[in-house]
């Protein structure tokens, strides 16, 4: 079932109400959810699903996944983390993964933003250019 314009707007308003001091606050999210469940506005299940989707997107904006071909040492990790937090905010969490398919370099994803500076992506780009 498609969500109405009013329900979508309500979900966005609920998301805005879930912030405290510019940061998503778990306690505020719980309070907002409890109010909706108790008041049961029209199509409240759809509103809560959309609200949940918006919360997931907001949490993803604050999580960085850093992939490298080999394990990074602690100083490299701290430099990368500091750079990411300088750009996206101090509350960004980081997760480091090893992906041998990259061959070298890094691939950083924060929310929907992706920075791919890997050897694999450069080789793929070169192969595409040569094929054209």
Protein backbone atom coordinates (compact mmCIF):
# COMPACT_ATOMS: atom_id res chain seq x y z
CA UNK A 1 0.00 0.00 0.00
CA UNK A 2 1.27 3.43 -0.93
CA UNK A 3 1.84 5.91 1.88
CA UNK A 4 -0.16 9.12 1.67
CA UNK A 5 1.46 12.52 1.46
CA UNK A 6 0.28 13.38 4.99
CA UNK A 7 1.68 10.14 6.43
CA UNK A 8 5.03 10.71 4.71
CA UNK A 9 5.14 14.26 6.10
CA UNK A 10 4.30 12.96 9.58
CA UNK A 11 7.18 10.46 9.33
CA UNK A 12 9.60 13.25 8.41
CA UNK A 13 8.30 15.37 11.30
CA UNK A 14 8.84 12.42 13.64
CA UNK A 15 12.41 12.11 12.39
CA UNK A 16 13.04 15.81 13.09
CA UNK A 17 11.60 15.36 16.58
CA UNK A 18 14.03 12.49 17.21
CA UNK A 19 17.07 14.75 17.26
CA UNK A 20 18.56 16.30 20.39
CA UNK A 21 21.40 18.82 20.09
CA UNK A 22 21.74 18.05 16.39
CA UNK A 23 22.25 14.31 16.93
CA UNK A 24 19.86 11.39 16.60
CA UNK A 25 18.86 10.44 20.14
CA UNK A 26 17.70 6.87 20.86
CA UNK A 27 15.63 8.05 23.83
CA UNK A 28 13.82 10.60 21.66
CA UNK A 29 13.16 7.92 19.02
CA UNK A 30 11.59 5.71 21.68
CA UNK A 31 9.43 8.55 23.00
CA UNK A 32 8.24 9.49 19.52
CA UNK A 33 7.44 5.86 18.68
CA UNK A 34 5.54 5.40 21.94
CA UNK A 35 3.43 8.51 21.26
CA UNK A 36 2.50 7.26 17.78
CA UNK A 37 1.64 3.77 19.04
CA UNK A 38 -0.56 5.21 21.80
CA UNK A 39 -2.35 7.82 19.68
CA UNK A 40 -2.73 5.50 16.63
CA UNK A 41 -3.23 8.08 13.89
CA UNK A 42 -4.61 7.02 10.53
CA UNK A 43 -2.29 4.49 8.85
CA UNK A 44 0.06 4.54 11.83
CA UNK A 45 1.64 1.22 10.82
CA UNK A 46 2.72 2.75 7.50
CA UNK A 47 3.94 5.86 9.30
CA UNK A 48 6.04 3.74 11.65
CA UNK A 49 7.49 1.74 8.74
CA UNK A 50 8.47 4.94 6.93
CA UNK A 51 9.85 6.38 10.19
CA UNK A 52 11.92 3.21 10.66
CA UNK A 53 13.25 3.53 7.12
CA UNK A 54 14.24 7.17 7.71
CA UNK A 55 15.98 6.23 10.97
CA UNK A 56 17.97 3.50 9.18
CA UNK A 57 19.07 6.00 6.53
CA UNK A 58 20.09 8.51 9.19
CA UNK A 59 22.11 5.90 11.09
CA UNK A 60 23.83 4.84 7.85
CA UNK A 61 24.92 8.46 7.30
CA UNK A 62 26.88 8.21 10.54
CA UNK A 63 28.68 4.94 9.80
CA UNK A 64 31.77 4.58 7.63
CA UNK A 65 32.93 1.30 6.12
CA UNK A 66 36.58 1.38 5.09
CA UNK A 67 37.82 -1.47 2.90
CA UNK A 68 41.46 -2.13 2.13
CA UNK A 69 43.32 -4.91 0.33
CA UNK A 70 45.54 -5.58 3.36
CA UNK A 71 45.26 -4.96 7.08
CA UNK A 72 45.94 -1.37 8.11
CA UNK A 73 48.10 -0.54 11.10
CA UNK A 74 46.77 1.50 14.02
CA UNK A 75 48.30 4.81 12.91
CA UNK A 76 46.79 4.48 9.42
CA UNK A 77 43.41 3.65 10.94
CA UNK A 78 43.55 6.64 13.29
CA UNK A 79 44.53 9.00 10.44
CA UNK A 80 41.67 7.74 8.26
CA UNK A 81 39.19 7.93 11.13
CA UNK A 82 40.29 11.50 11.95
CA UNK A 83 39.90 12.55 8.31
CA UNK A 84 36.42 11.02 8.05
CA UNK A 85 35.31 12.59 11.33
CA UNK A 86 36.66 15.95 10.18
CA UNK A 87 34.50 15.78 7.09
CA UNK A 88 31.34 14.05 8.37
CA UNK A 89 31.30 14.91 12.09
CA UNK A 90 32.75 13.59 15.32
CA UNK A 91 29.93 11.09 15.88
CA UNK A 92 30.77 8.93 12.82
CA UNK A 93 31.53 5.31 13.65
CA UNK A 94 34.06 3.40 11.59
CA UNK A 95 34.31 -0.22 10.52
CA UNK A 96 37.42 -1.62 8.84
CA UNK A 97 37.25 -4.57 6.46
CA UNK A 98 39.80 -6.42 4.37
CA UNK A 99 38.81 -7.00 0.75
CA UNK A 100 41.59 -8.66 -1.25
CA UNK A 101 39.68 -8.04 -4.50
CA UNK A 102 40.64 -4.33 -4.26
CA UNK A 103 44.30 -5.27 -5.00
CA UNK A 104 45.45 -2.04 -3.33
CA UNK A 105 44.20 1.33 -2.15
CA UNK A 106 41.03 2.06 -0.20
CA UNK A 107 37.28 2.10 -0.65
CA UNK A 108 35.39 4.28 1.84
CA UNK A 109 31.60 4.35 2.13
CA UNK A 110 29.79 6.77 4.43
CA UNK A 111 26.04 6.51 3.97
CA UNK A 112 25.46 6.72 0.22
CA UNK A 113 28.79 8.50 -0.45
CA UNK A 114 31.50 6.23 -1.84
CA UNK A 115 35.14 7.11 -2.42
CA UNK A 116 36.79 4.33 -4.39
CA UNK A 117 40.57 4.83 -4.68
CA UNK A 118 41.34 1.16 -5.21
CA UNK A 119 43.55 -0.39 -7.86
CA UNK A 120 40.62 -2.61 -8.91
CA UNK A 121 38.42 0.40 -9.77
CA UNK A 122 41.25 2.02 -11.74
CA UNK A 123 41.83 -1.20 -13.71
CA UNK A 124 38.09 -1.53 -14.40
CA UNK A 125 37.94 2.08 -15.60
CA UNK A 126 40.96 1.52 -17.86
CA UNK A 127 39.43 -1.65 -19.31
CA UNK A 128 36.21 0.24 -20.05
CA UNK A 129 38.10 3.04 -21.81
CA UNK A 130 40.14 0.58 -23.90
CA UNK A 131 37.01 -1.35 -24.90
CA UNK A 132 35.28 1.80 -26.18
